[in-house]
C-alpha cells in the first residue's frame, strides 16, 4: 500500500504513468513520462554538482561540514 501511495503521488504530478502489462493483465507497469525524465535529469545534475563541490573539500573541511550539518539536523524537532 505504501508503494501504491508513492506511485499515486508521482502519477498525479505527471512524472509516471501506469500501463497494463502485455503478459499479465493483473499487473500494471509504471513508466516514466517525459516530465519524469526531465525531473530525473535535473536531480542527477544537481547531485553531480553537489558531488563536485564536495570533492573540492579537504578531509578536514568535510569533517567540519559533517559536524555542522549533524548539529543542524539534530537540533530540529522530530516530525
PDB file of N, CA and C in Angstrom:
ATOM      1  N   UNK A   1       0.818  -1.197   0.000  1.00  0.00           N
ATOM      2  CA  UNK A   1       0.000   0.000   0.000  1.00  0.00           C
ATOM      3  C   UNK A   1       0.861   1.260   0.000  1.00  0.00           C
ATOM      4  N   UNK A   2       2.017   1.201   0.666  1.00  0.00           N
ATOM      5  CA  UNK A   2       2.917   2.358   0.673  1.00  0.00           C
ATOM      6  C   UNK A   2       3.415   2.647  -0.739  1.00  0.00           C
ATOM      7  N   UNK A   3       3.773   1.616  -1.462  1.00  0.00           N
ATOM      8  CA  UNK A   3       4.268   1.788  -2.832  1.00  0.00           C
ATOM      9  C   UNK A   3       3.157   2.353  -3.724  1.00  0.00           C
ATOM     10  N   UNK A   4       1.946   1.881  -3.535  1.00  0.00           N
ATOM     11  CA  UNK A   4       0.819   2.391  -4.315  1.00  0.00           C
ATOM     12  C   UNK A   4       0.631   3.880  -4.067  1.00  0.00           C
ATOM     13  N   UNK A   5       0.748   4.309  -2.816  1.00  0.00           N
ATOM     14  CA  UNK A   5       0.621   5.727  -2.485  1.00  0.00           C
ATOM     15  C   UNK A   5       1.703   6.568  -3.141  1.00  0.00           C
ATOM     16  N   UNK A   6       2.910   6.048  -3.151  1.00  0.00           N
ATOM     17  CA  UNK A   6       4.024   6.758  -3.793  1.00  0.00           C
ATOM     18  C   UNK A   6       3.758   6.902  -5.288  1.00  0.00           C
ATOM     19  N   UNK A   7       3.356   5.807  -5.931  1.00  0.00           N
ATOM     20  CA  UNK A   7       3.078   5.837  -7.373  1.00  0.00           C
ATOM     21  C   UNK A   7       1.899   6.764  -7.663  1.00  0.00           C
ATOM     22  N   UNK A   8       0.874   6.735  -6.803  1.00  0.00           N
ATOM     23  CA  UNK A   8      -0.274   7.643  -6.980  1.00  0.00           C
ATOM     24  C   UNK A   8       0.184   9.100  -6.998  1.00  0.00           C
ATOM     25  N   UNK A   9       1.053   9.468  -6.060  1.00  0.00           N
ATOM     26  CA  UNK A   9       1.529  10.855  -5.987  1.00  0.00           C
ATOM     27  C   UNK A   9       2.393  11.210  -7.197  1.00  0.00           C
ATOM     28  N   UNK A  10       3.250  10.292  -7.618  1.00  0.00           N
ATOM     29  CA  UNK A  10       4.074  10.549  -8.805  1.00  0.00           C
ATOM     30  C   UNK A  10       3.210  10.686 -10.056  1.00  0.00           C
ATOM     31  N   UNK A  11       2.178   9.866 -10.134  1.00  0.00           N
ATOM     32  CA  UNK A  11       1.275   9.918 -11.285  1.00  0.00           C
ATOM     33  C   UNK A  11       0.485  11.230 -11.288  1.00  0.00           C
ATOM     34  N   UNK A  12       0.040  11.653 -10.114  1.00  0.00           N
ATOM     35  CA  UNK A  12      -0.710  12.913 -10.008  1.00  0.00           C
ATOM     36  C   UNK A  12       0.144  14.093 -10.465  1.00  0.00           C
ATOM     37  N   UNK A  13       1.462  14.019 -10.229  1.00  0.00           N
ATOM     38  CA  UNK A  13       2.378  15.092 -10.641  1.00  0.00           C
ATOM     39  C   UNK A  13       2.813  14.952 -12.096  1.00  0.00           C
ATOM     40  N   UNK A  14       2.372  13.893 -12.764  1.00  0.00           N
ATOM     41  CA  UNK A  14       2.695  13.702 -14.172  1.00  0.00           C
ATOM     42  C   UNK A  14       4.086  13.144 -14.417  1.00  0.00           C
ATOM     43  N   UNK A  15       4.682  12.540 -13.390  1.00  0.00           N
ATOM     44  CA  UNK A  15       6.048  12.026 -13.533  1.00  0.00           C
ATOM     45  C   UNK A  15       6.086  10.574 -14.013  1.00  0.00           C
ATOM     46  N   UNK A  16       5.016   9.829 -13.745  1.00  0.00           N
ATOM     47  CA  UNK A  16       4.918   8.437 -14.195  1.00  0.00           C
ATOM     48  C   UNK A  16       3.502   8.179 -14.685  1.00  0.00           C
ATOM     49  N   UNK A  17       3.346   7.064 -15.388  1.00  0.00           N
ATOM     50  CA  UNK A  17       2.010   6.605 -15.768  1.00  0.00           C
ATOM     51  C   UNK A  17       1.982   5.082 -15.618  1.00  0.00           C
ATOM     52  N   UNK A  18       0.797   4.579 -15.383  1.00  0.00           N
ATOM     53  CA  UNK A  18       0.618   3.124 -15.277  1.00  0.00           C
ATOM     54  C   UNK A  18       0.175   2.595 -16.638  1.00  0.00           C
ATOM     55  N   UNK A  19       0.755   1.464 -17.015  1.00  0.00           N
ATOM     56  CA  UNK A  19       0.372   0.800 -18.265  1.00  0.00           C
ATOM     57  C   UNK A  19       0.106  -0.664 -17.957  1.00  0.00           C
ATOM     58  N   UNK A  20      -0.851  -1.258 -18.631  1.00  0.00           N
ATOM     59  CA  UNK A  20      -1.085  -2.688 -18.405  1.00  0.00           C
ATOM     60  C   UNK A  20       0.085  -3.517 -18.928  1.00  0.00           C
ATOM     61  N   UNK A  21       0.383  -4.584 -18.214  1.00  0.00           N
ATOM     62  CA  UNK A  21       1.443  -5.490 -18.654  1.00  0.00           C
ATOM     63  C   UNK A  21       0.955  -6.267 -19.871  1.00  0.00           C
ATOM     64  N   UNK A  22       1.793  -6.385 -20.894  1.00  0.00           N
ATOM     65  CA  UNK A  22       1.368  -7.141 -22.071  1.00  0.00           C
ATOM     66  C   UNK A  22       1.267  -8.647 -21.803  1.00  0.00           C
ATOM     67  N   UNK A  23       1.946  -9.119 -20.739  1.00  0.00           N
ATOM     68  CA  UNK A  23       1.963 -10.559 -20.488  1.00  0.00           C
ATOM     69  C   UNK A  23       1.075 -11.000 -19.328  1.00  0.00           C
ATOM     70  N   UNK A  24       0.614 -10.060 -18.495  1.00  0.00           N
ATOM     71  CA  UNK A  24      -0.194 -10.431 -17.334  1.00  0.00           C
ATOM     72  C   UNK A  24      -1.178  -9.303 -17.043  1.00  0.00           C
ATOM     73  N   UNK A  25      -2.435  -9.530 -17.313  1.00  0.00           N
ATOM     74  CA  UNK A  25      -3.432  -8.461 -17.180  1.00  0.00           C
ATOM     75  C   UNK A  25      -3.625  -7.992 -15.741  1.00  0.00           C
ATOM     76  N   UNK A  26      -3.138  -8.755 -14.762  1.00  0.00           N
ATOM     77  CA  UNK A  26      -3.248  -8.349 -13.359  1.00  0.00           C
ATOM     78  C   UNK A  26      -2.173  -7.338 -12.966  1.00  0.00           C
ATOM     79  N   UNK A  27      -1.170  -7.188 -13.808  1.00  0.00           N
ATOM     80  CA  UNK A  27      -0.001  -6.374 -13.489  1.00  0.00           C
ATOM     81  C   UNK A  27      -0.079  -5.026 -14.208  1.00  0.00           C
ATOM     82  N   UNK A  28       0.333  -3.984 -13.501  1.00  0.00           N
ATOM     83  CA  UNK A  28       0.483  -2.658 -14.104  1.00  0.00           C
ATOM     84  C   UNK A  28       1.959  -2.299 -14.060  1.00  0.00           C
ATOM     85  N   UNK A  29       2.488  -1.887 -15.188  1.00  0.00           N
ATOM     86  CA  UNK A  29       3.866  -1.405 -15.241  1.00  0.00           C
ATOM     87  C   UNK A  29       3.859   0.101 -15.000  1.00  0.00           C
ATOM     88  N   UNK A  30       4.852   0.583 -14.290  1.00  0.00           N
ATOM     89  CA  UNK A  30       4.997   2.014 -14.036  1.00  0.00           C
ATOM     90  C   UNK A  30       6.069   2.527 -14.985  1.00  0.00           C
ATOM     91  N   UNK A  31       5.693   3.529 -15.783  1.00  0.00           N
ATOM     92  CA  UNK A  31       6.573   4.051 -16.831  1.00  0.00           C
ATOM     93  C   UNK A  31       6.839   5.532 -16.570  1.00  0.00           C
ATOM     94  N   UNK A  32       8.096   5.908 -16.678  1.00  0.00           N
ATOM     95  CA  UNK A  32       8.483   7.306 -16.527  1.00  0.00           C
ATOM     96  C   UNK A  32       7.960   8.116 -17.718  1.00  0.00           C
ATOM     97  N   UNK A  33       7.342   9.259 -17.439  1.00  0.00           N
ATOM     98  CA  UNK A  33       6.874  10.146 -18.513  1.00  0.00           C
ATOM     99  C   UNK A  33       8.024  11.065 -18.942  1.00  0.00           C
ATOM    100  N   UNK A  34       7.789  11.840 -19.984  1.00  0.00           N
ATOM    101  CA  UNK A  34       8.800  12.810 -20.421  1.00  0.00           C
ATOM    102  C   UNK A  34       9.097  13.791 -19.290  1.00  0.00           C
ATOM    103  N   UNK A  35       8.047  14.227 -18.579  1.00  0.00           N
ATOM    104  CA  UNK A  35       8.242  15.136 -17.435  1.00  0.00           C
ATOM    105  C   UNK A  35       9.043  14.437 -16.337  1.00  0.00           C
ATOM    106  N   UNK A  36       8.782  13.155 -16.124  1.00  0.00           N
ATOM    107  CA  UNK A  36       9.543  12.383 -15.141  1.00  0.00           C
ATOM    108  C   UNK A  36      11.012  12.265 -15.531  1.00  0.00           C
ATOM    109  N   UNK A  37      11.271  12.095 -16.805  1.00  0.00           N
ATOM    110  CA  UNK A  37      12.661  12.038 -17.283  1.00  0.00           C
ATOM    111  C   UNK A  37      13.369  13.371 -17.053  1.00  0.00           C
ATOM    112  N   UNK A  38      12.661  14.472 -17.333  1.00  0.00           N
ATOM    113  CA  UNK A  38      13.264  15.796 -17.101  1.00  0.00           C
ATOM    114  C   UNK A  38      13.565  15.995 -15.615  1.00  0.00           C
ATOM    115  N   UNK A  39      12.647  15.586 -14.763  1.00  0.00           N
ATOM    116  CA  UNK A  39      12.862  15.726 -13.315  1.00  0.00           C
ATOM    117  C   UNK A  39      14.048  14.877 -12.864  1.00  0.00           C
ATOM    118  N   UNK A  40      14.131  13.664 -13.382  1.00  0.00           N
ATOM    119  CA  UNK A  40      15.246  12.775 -13.046  1.00  0.00           C
ATOM    120  C   UNK A  40      16.574  13.373 -13.511  1.00  0.00           C
ATOM    121  N   UNK A  41      16.594  13.906 -14.722  1.00  0.00           N
ATOM    122  CA  UNK A  41      17.816  14.538 -15.241  1.00  0.00           C
ATOM    123  C   UNK A  41      18.230  15.728 -14.379  1.00  0.00           C
ATOM    124  N   UNK A  42      17.260  16.530 -13.950  1.00  0.00           N
ATOM    125  CA  UNK A  42      17.557  17.700 -13.114  1.00  0.00           C
ATOM    126  C   UNK A  42      18.116  17.272 -11.758  1.00  0.00           C
ATOM    127  N   UNK A  43      17.537  16.240 -11.178  1.00  0.00           N
ATOM    128  CA  UNK A  43      18.022  15.738  -9.889  1.00  0.00           C
ATOM    129  C   UNK A  43      19.449  15.208 -10.033  1.00  0.00           C
ATOM    130  N   UNK A  44      19.692  14.437 -11.074  1.00  0.00           N
ATOM    131  CA  UNK A  44      21.042  13.889 -11.296  1.00  0.00           C
ATOM    132  C   UNK A  44      22.063  15.004 -11.506  1.00  0.00           C
ATOM    133  N   UNK A  45      21.683  16.050 -12.238  1.00  0.00           N
ATOM    134  CA  UNK A  45      22.596  17.165 -12.479  1.00  0.00           C
ATOM    135  C   UNK A  45      22.945  17.859 -11.166  1.00  0.00           C
ATOM    136  N   UNK A  46      21.934  18.071 -10.307  1.00  0.00           N
ATOM    137  CA  UNK A  46      22.200  18.708  -9.020  1.00  0.00           C
ATOM    138  C   UNK A  46      23.062  17.823  -8.139  1.00  0.00           C
ATOM    139  N   UNK A  47      22.824  16.516  -8.179  1.00  0.00           N
ATOM    140  CA  UNK A  47      23.646  15.592  -7.394  1.00  0.00           C
ATOM    141  C   UNK A  47      25.098  15.637  -7.878  1.00  0.00           C
ATOM    142  N   UNK A  48      25.273  15.706  -9.196  1.00  0.00           N
ATOM    143  CA  UNK A  48      26.619  15.757  -9.774  1.00  0.00           C
ATOM    144  C   UNK A  48      27.328  17.045  -9.345  1.00  0.00           C
ATOM    145  N   UNK A  49      26.605  18.165  -9.387  1.00  0.00           N
ATOM    146  CA  UNK A  49      27.164  19.452  -8.973  1.00  0.00           C
ATOM    147  C   UNK A  49      27.554  19.417  -7.491  1.00  0.00           C
ATOM    148  N   UNK A  50      26.683  18.855  -6.673  1.00  0.00           N
ATOM    149  CA  UNK A  50      26.971  18.739  -5.241  1.00  0.00           C
ATOM    150  C   UNK A  50      28.208  17.879  -5.010  1.00  0.00           C
ATOM    151  N   UNK A  51      28.295  16.759  -5.720  1.00  0.00           N
ATOM    152  CA  UNK A  51      29.453  15.873  -5.552  1.00  0.00           C
ATOM    153  C   UNK A  51      30.742  16.574  -5.970  1.00  0.00           C
ATOM    154  N   UNK A  52      30.693  17.332  -7.057  1.00  0.00           N
ATOM    155  CA  UNK A  52      31.887  18.074  -7.491  1.00  0.00           C
ATOM    156  C   UNK A  52      32.325  19.063  -6.415  1.00  0.00           C
ATOM    157  N   UNK A  53      31.352  19.742  -5.810  1.00  0.00           N
ATOM    158  CA  UNK A  53      31.681  20.679  -4.738  1.00  0.00           C
ATOM    159  C   UNK A  53      32.298  19.972  -3.536  1.00  0.00           C
ATOM    160  N   UNK A  54      31.738  18.845  -3.163  1.00  0.00           N
ATOM    161  CA  UNK A  54      32.284  18.080  -2.030  1.00  0.00           C
ATOM    162  C   UNK A  54      33.681  17.553  -2.337  1.00  0.00           C
ATOM    163  N   UNK A  55      33.902  17.182  -3.588  1.00  0.00           N
ATOM    164  CA  UNK A  55      35.215  16.667  -3.987  1.00  0.00           C
ATOM    165  C   UNK A  55      36.316  17.721  -3.846  1.00  0.00           C
ATOM    166  N   UNK A  56      35.941  19.010  -3.894  1.00  0.00           N
ATOM    167  CA  UNK A  56      36.937  20.075  -3.758  1.00  0.00           C
ATOM    168  C   UNK A  56      37.320  20.342  -2.303  1.00  0.00           C
ATOM    169  N   UNK A  57      36.555  19.782  -1.362  1.00  0.00           N
ATOM    170  CA  UNK A  57      36.859  19.995   0.049  1.00  0.00           C
ATOM    171  C   UNK A  57      37.976  19.083   0.517  1.00  0.00           C
ATOM    172  N   UNK A  58      38.768  19.580   1.453  1.00  0.00           N
ATOM    173  CA  UNK A  58      39.778  18.736   2.075  1.00  0.00           C
ATOM    174  C   UNK A  58      39.088  17.803   3.068  1.00  0.00           C
ATOM    175  N   UNK A  59      39.806  16.819   3.544  1.00  0.00           N
ATOM    176  CA  UNK A  59      39.253  15.901   4.538  1.00  0.00           C
ATOM    177  C   UNK A  59      38.817  16.665   5.782  1.00  0.00           C
ATOM    178  N   UNK A  60      39.615  17.617   6.214  1.00  0.00           N
ATOM    179  CA  UNK A  60      39.275  18.412   7.394  1.00  0.00           C
ATOM    180  C   UNK A  60      38.007  19.234   7.144  1.00  0.00           C
ATOM    181  N   UNK A  61      37.884  19.831   5.958  1.00  0.00           N
ATOM    182  CA  UNK A  61      36.694  20.609   5.633  1.00  0.00           C
ATOM    183  C   UNK A  61      35.442  19.718   5.595  1.00  0.00           C
ATOM    184  N   UNK A  62      35.589  18.518   5.064  1.00  0.00           N
ATOM    185  CA  UNK A  62      34.455  17.585   5.041  1.00  0.00           C
ATOM    186  C   UNK A  62      34.041  17.209   6.456  1.00  0.00           C
ATOM    187  N   UNK A  63      35.022  16.951   7.305  1.00  0.00           N
ATOM    188  CA  UNK A  63      34.719  16.610   8.704  1.00  0.00           C
ATOM    189  C   UNK A  63      33.989  17.757   9.394  1.00  0.00           C
ATOM    190  N   UNK A  64      34.451  18.987   9.149  1.00  0.00           N
ATOM    191  CA  UNK A  64      33.799  20.161   9.739  1.00  0.00           C
ATOM    192  C   UNK A  64      32.377  20.297   9.218  1.00  0.00           C
ATOM    193  N   UNK A  65      32.191  20.138   7.915  1.00  0.00           N
ATOM    194  CA  UNK A  65      30.863  20.219   7.325  1.00  0.00           C
ATOM    195  C   UNK A  65      29.943  19.158   7.929  1.00  0.00           C
ATOM    196  N   UNK A  66      30.444  17.952   8.056  1.00  0.00           N
ATOM    197  CA  UNK A  66      29.650  16.864   8.640  1.00  0.00           C
ATOM    198  C   UNK A  66      29.220  17.204  10.058  1.00  0.00           C
ATOM    199  N   UNK A  67      30.140  17.711  10.841  1.00  0.00           N
ATOM    200  CA  UNK A  67      29.832  18.080  12.227  1.00  0.00           C
ATOM    201  C   UNK A  67      28.770  19.171  12.277  1.00  0.00           C
ATOM    202  N   UNK A  68      28.915  20.188  11.434  1.00  0.00           N
ATOM    203  CA  UNK A  68      27.947  21.289  11.409  1.00  0.00           C
ATOM    204  C   UNK A  68      26.559  20.818  10.955  1.00  0.00           C
ATOM    205  N   UNK A  69      26.519  20.007   9.917  1.00  0.00           N
ATOM    206  CA  UNK A  69      25.230  19.504   9.436  1.00  0.00           C
ATOM    207  C   UNK A  69      24.569  18.602  10.470  1.00  0.00           C
ATOM    208  N   UNK A  70      25.364  17.819  11.141  1.00  0.00           N
ATOM    209  CA  UNK A  70      24.839  16.955  12.203  1.00  0.00           C
ATOM    210  C   UNK A  70      24.184  17.809  13.292  1.00  0.00           C
ATOM    211  N   UNK A  71      24.837  18.909  13.676  1.00  0.00           N
ATOM    212  CA  UNK A  71      24.275  19.808  14.687  1.00  0.00           C
ATOM    213  C   UNK A  71      22.972  20.430  14.208  1.00  0.00           C
ATOM    214  N   UNK A  72      22.914  20.808  12.929  1.00  0.00           N
ATOM    215  CA  UNK A  72      21.705  21.407  12.383  1.00  0.00           C
ATOM    216  C   UNK A  72      20.552  20.405  12.419  1.00  0.00           C
ATOM    217  N   UNK A  73      20.790  19.202  11.952  1.00  0.00           N
ATOM    218  CA  UNK A  73      19.716  18.228  11.861  1.00  0.00           C
ATOM    219  C   UNK A  73      19.317  17.653  13.214  1.00  0.00           C
ATOM    220  N   UNK A  74      20.245  17.553  14.140  1.00  0.00           N
ATOM    221  CA  UNK A  74      19.900  17.055  15.482  1.00  0.00           C
ATOM    222  C   UNK A  74      19.163  18.111  16.293  1.00  0.00           C
ATOM    223  N   UNK A  75      19.308  19.376  15.920  1.00  0.00           N
ATOM    224  CA  UNK A  75      18.650  20.454  16.648  1.00  0.00           C
ATOM    225  C   UNK A  75      17.183  20.606  16.252  1.00  0.00           C
ATOM    226  N   UNK A  76      16.766  19.976  15.174  1.00  0.00           N
ATOM    227  CA  UNK A  76      15.384  20.108  14.708  1.00  0.00           C
ATOM    228  C   UNK A  76      14.472  19.151  15.478  1.00  0.00           C
ATOM    229  N   UNK A  77      13.266  19.615  15.794  1.00  0.00           N
ATOM    230  CA  UNK A  77      12.324  18.729  16.489  1.00  0.00           C
ATOM    231  C   UNK A  77      11.902  17.572  15.579  1.00  0.00           C
ATOM    232  N   UNK A  78      11.614  16.448  16.177  1.00  0.00           N
ATOM    233  CA  UNK A  78      11.180  15.276  15.415  1.00  0.00           C
ATOM    234  C   UNK A  78       9.836  15.559  14.742  1.00  0.00           C
ATOM    235  N   UNK A  79       9.690  15.047  13.531  1.00  0.00           N
ATOM    236  CA  UNK A  79       8.442  15.284  12.760  1.00  0.00           C
ATOM    237  C   UNK A  79       7.319  14.421  13.276  1.00  0.00           C
TER     238      UNK A  79
END
